[in-house]
C-alpha atoms as a PDB file:
ATOM      1  CA  UNK A   1      91.919 104.076  89.045  1.00  0.00           C
ATOM      2  CA  UNK A   2      95.333 104.226  90.736  1.00  0.00           C
ATOM      3  CA  UNK A   3      94.080 106.808  93.242  1.00  0.00           C
ATOM      4  CA  UNK A   4      91.133 104.563  94.085  1.00  0.00           C
ATOM      5  CA  UNK A   5      93.497 101.626  94.627  1.00  0.00           C
ATOM      6  CA  UNK A   6      95.536 103.796  96.983  1.00  0.00           C
ATOM      7  CA  UNK A   7      92.348 104.733  98.859  1.00  0.00           C
ATOM      8  CA  UNK A   8      91.409 101.075  99.179  1.00  0.00           C
ATOM      9  CA  UNK A   9      94.865 100.102 100.400  1.00  0.00           C
ATOM     10  CA  UNK A  10      94.904 102.920 102.960  1.00  0.00           C
ATOM     11  CA  UNK A  11      91.400 102.146 104.174  1.00  0.00           C
ATOM     12  CA  UNK A  12      89.919 105.530 103.292  1.00  0.00           C
ATOM     13  CA  UNK A  13      86.819 106.408 101.291  1.00  0.00           C
ATOM     14  CA  UNK A  14      86.934 106.066  97.506  1.00  0.00           C
ATOM     15  CA  UNK A  15      87.367 109.434  95.809  1.00  0.00           C
ATOM     16  CA  UNK A  16      89.150 111.001  98.807  1.00  0.00           C
ATOM     17  CA  UNK A  17      91.932 112.454  96.689  1.00  0.00           C
ATOM     18  CA  UNK A  18      89.750 113.678  93.837  1.00  0.00           C
ATOM     19  CA  UNK A  19      87.502 115.521  96.308  1.00  0.00           C
ATOM     20  CA  UNK A  20      90.445 117.279  97.946  1.00  0.00           C
ATOM     21  CA  UNK A  21      92.541 118.182  94.919  1.00  0.00           C
ATOM     22  CA  UNK A  22      92.522 120.980  92.418  1.00  0.00           C
ATOM     23  CA  UNK A  23      90.625 120.298  89.214  1.00  0.00           C
ATOM     24  CA  UNK A  24      93.766 121.183  87.249  1.00  0.00           C
ATOM     25  CA  UNK A  25      95.602 118.104  86.038  1.00  0.00           C
ATOM     26  CA  UNK A  26      99.113 117.738  84.750  1.00  0.00           C
ATOM     27  CA  UNK A  27     100.345 114.759  82.824  1.00  0.00           C
ATOM     28  CA  UNK A  28     103.891 114.732  81.541  1.00  0.00           C
ATOM     29  CA  UNK A  29     105.836 111.997  79.811  1.00  0.00           C
ATOM     30  CA  UNK A  30     109.605 111.630  79.783  1.00  0.00           C
ATOM     31  CA  UNK A  31     111.534 109.045  77.829  1.00  0.00           C
ATOM     32  CA  UNK A  32     115.184 108.671  78.739  1.00  0.00           C
ATOM     33  CA  UNK A  33     117.181 106.585  76.283  1.00  0.00           C
ATOM     34  CA  UNK A  34     119.788 104.295  77.900  1.00  0.00           C
ATOM     35  CA  UNK A  35     123.402 105.343  77.392  1.00  0.00           C
ATOM     36  CA  UNK A  36     125.442 102.588  75.764  1.00  0.00           C
ATOM     37  CA  UNK A  37     128.730 103.973  77.126  1.00  0.00           C
ATOM     38  CA  UNK A  38     128.385 103.771  80.930  1.00  0.00           C
ATOM     39  CA  UNK A  39     131.463 105.960  81.414  1.00  0.00           C
ATOM     40  CA  UNK A  40     129.443 108.833  79.937  1.00  0.00           C
ATOM     41  CA  UNK A  41     126.421 108.554  82.257  1.00  0.00           C
ATOM     42  CA  UNK A  42     125.505 111.260  84.729  1.00  0.00           C
ATOM     43  CA  UNK A  43     123.373 110.744  87.804  1.00  0.00           C
ATOM     44  CA  UNK A  44     120.449 112.977  88.647  1.00  0.00           C
ATOM     45  CA  UNK A  45     120.675 114.949  91.873  1.00  0.00           C
ATOM     46  CA  UNK A  46     118.682 113.823  94.888  1.00  0.00           C
ATOM     47  CA  UNK A  47     115.144 115.155  94.563  1.00  0.00           C
ATOM     48  CA  UNK A  48     111.545 114.483  95.451  1.00  0.00           C
ATOM     49  CA  UNK A  49     108.603 114.497  93.109  1.00  0.00           C
ATOM     50  CA  UNK A  50     106.359 117.469  93.808  1.00  0.00           C
ATOM     51  CA  UNK A  51     103.266 115.898  92.318  1.00  0.00           C
ATOM     52  CA  UNK A  52     100.711 113.509  93.821  1.00  0.00           C
ATOM     53  CA  UNK A  53     101.965 110.325  92.169  1.00  0.00           C
ATOM     54  CA  UNK A  54     104.619 109.378  89.652  1.00  0.00           C
ATOM     55  CA  UNK A  55     104.178 106.367  87.391  1.00  0.00           C
ATOM     56  CA  UNK A  56     107.456 104.942  86.172  1.00  0.00           C
ATOM     57  CA  UNK A  57     108.223 102.167  83.711  1.00  0.00           C
ATOM     58  CA  UNK A  58     111.915 101.316  84.007  1.00  0.00           C
ATOM     59  CA  UNK A  59     112.116  99.386  80.720  1.00  0.00           C
ATOM     60  CA  UNK A  60     114.666  96.980  82.222  1.00  0.00           C
ATOM     61  CA  UNK A  61     117.055  99.902  82.769  1.00  0.00           C
ATOM     62  CA  UNK A  62     118.674 100.046  86.227  1.00  0.00           C
ATOM     63  CA  UNK A  63     119.448 103.344  87.905  1.00  0.00           C
ATOM     64  CA  UNK A  64     116.401 104.138  90.024  1.00  0.00           C
ATOM     65  CA  UNK A  65     117.336 104.417  93.690  1.00  0.00           C
ATOM     66  CA  UNK A  66     115.326 104.789  96.899  1.00  0.00           C
ATOM     67  CA  UNK A  67     116.439 106.009 100.306  1.00  0.00           C
ATOM     68  CA  UNK A  68     116.075 103.307 102.969  1.00  0.00           C
ATOM     69  CA  UNK A  69     117.638 103.414 106.441  1.00  0.00           C
ATOM     70  CA  UNK A  70     119.696 106.475 105.406  1.00  0.00           C
ATOM     71  CA  UNK A  71     121.242 104.555 102.490  1.00  0.00           C
ATOM     72  CA  UNK A  72     120.525 104.774  98.780  1.00  0.00           C
ATOM     73  CA  UNK A  73     119.674 101.364  97.364  1.00  0.00           C
ATOM     74  CA  UNK A  74     119.070 100.335  93.773  1.00  0.00           C
ATOM     75  CA  UNK A  75     115.543  99.448  92.693  1.00  0.00           C
ATOM     76  CA  UNK A  76     115.852  96.525  90.312  1.00  0.00           C
ATOM     77  CA  UNK A  77     113.527  96.730  87.305  1.00  0.00           C
ATOM     78  CA  UNK A  78     110.712  94.182  87.194  1.00  0.00           C
ATOM     79  CA  UNK A  79     109.815  93.272  83.586  1.00  0.00           C
ATOM     80  CA  UNK A  80     106.502  94.724  82.374  1.00  0.00           C
ATOM     81  CA  UNK A  81     105.804  96.432  85.739  1.00  0.00           C
ATOM     82  CA  UNK A  82     105.092 100.028  86.676  1.00  0.00           C
ATOM     83  CA  UNK A  83     106.474 101.686  89.802  1.00  0.00           C
ATOM     84  CA  UNK A  84     103.993 104.025  91.488  1.00  0.00           C
ATOM     85  CA  UNK A  85     105.850 106.565  93.616  1.00  0.00           C
ATOM     86  CA  UNK A  86     104.014 108.780  96.068  1.00  0.00           C
ATOM     87  CA  UNK A  87     105.033 112.419  95.722  1.00  0.00           C
ATOM     88  CA  UNK A  88     105.126 115.389  98.058  1.00  0.00           C
ATOM     89  CA  UNK A  89     101.460 116.297  97.457  1.00  0.00           C
ATOM     90  CA  UNK A  90     100.401 112.825  98.577  1.00  0.00           C
ATOM     91  CA  UNK A  91     102.499 113.011 101.726  1.00  0.00           C
ATOM     92  CA  UNK A  92     100.985 116.412 102.586  1.00  0.00           C
ATOM     93  CA  UNK A  93      97.383 115.225 102.403  1.00  0.00           C
ATOM     94  CA  UNK A  94      95.506 115.167 105.670  1.00  0.00           C
ATOM     95  CA  UNK A  95      95.667 111.497 106.615  1.00  0.00           C
ATOM     96  CA  UNK A  96      96.451 111.963 110.299  1.00  0.00           C
ATOM     97  CA  UNK A  97      94.699 108.722 111.238  1.00  0.00           C
ATOM     98  CA  UNK A  98      97.426 106.746 109.482  1.00  0.00           C
ATOM     99  CA  UNK A  99     100.441 106.247 111.706  1.00  0.00           C
ATOM    100  CA  UNK A 100     103.452 105.969 109.415  1.00  0.00           C
ATOM    101  CA  UNK A 101     102.214 107.166 106.062  1.00  0.00           C
ATOM    102  CA  UNK A 102     103.514 105.205 103.157  1.00  0.00           C
ATOM    103  CA  UNK A 103     107.259 105.278 102.627  1.00  0.00           C
ATOM    104  CA  UNK A 104     107.215 102.413 100.213  1.00  0.00           C
ATOM    105  CA  UNK A 105     107.096 101.865  96.507  1.00  0.00           C
ATOM    106  CA  UNK A 106     104.071 100.095  95.130  1.00  0.00           C
ATOM    107  CA  UNK A 107     104.588  97.880  92.122  1.00  0.00           C
ATOM    108  CA  UNK A 108     101.466  97.114  90.101  1.00  0.00           C
END
């Protein structure tokens, strides 16, 4: 469903991604418990998600950052919302007809 919403938003045919992807699927779930002592927290190194999309529920926990205008900015949690982040596989798909392929976060 999310891939079809992305197709609709980008103005491409429904099923574009399913037709051009491997039939192997990977679904992983991570649950990071908030640290009550902020002096003990460690940040994660800068990275990019190698998959097609990442679905994130922040659970009212700040810490997610996005690079904008060469600066890291905090992404404030929105209650009961999911963040859909486009990964490297999405950015490498052949969508040459789109000028500046999505560099945004979609909140559903």
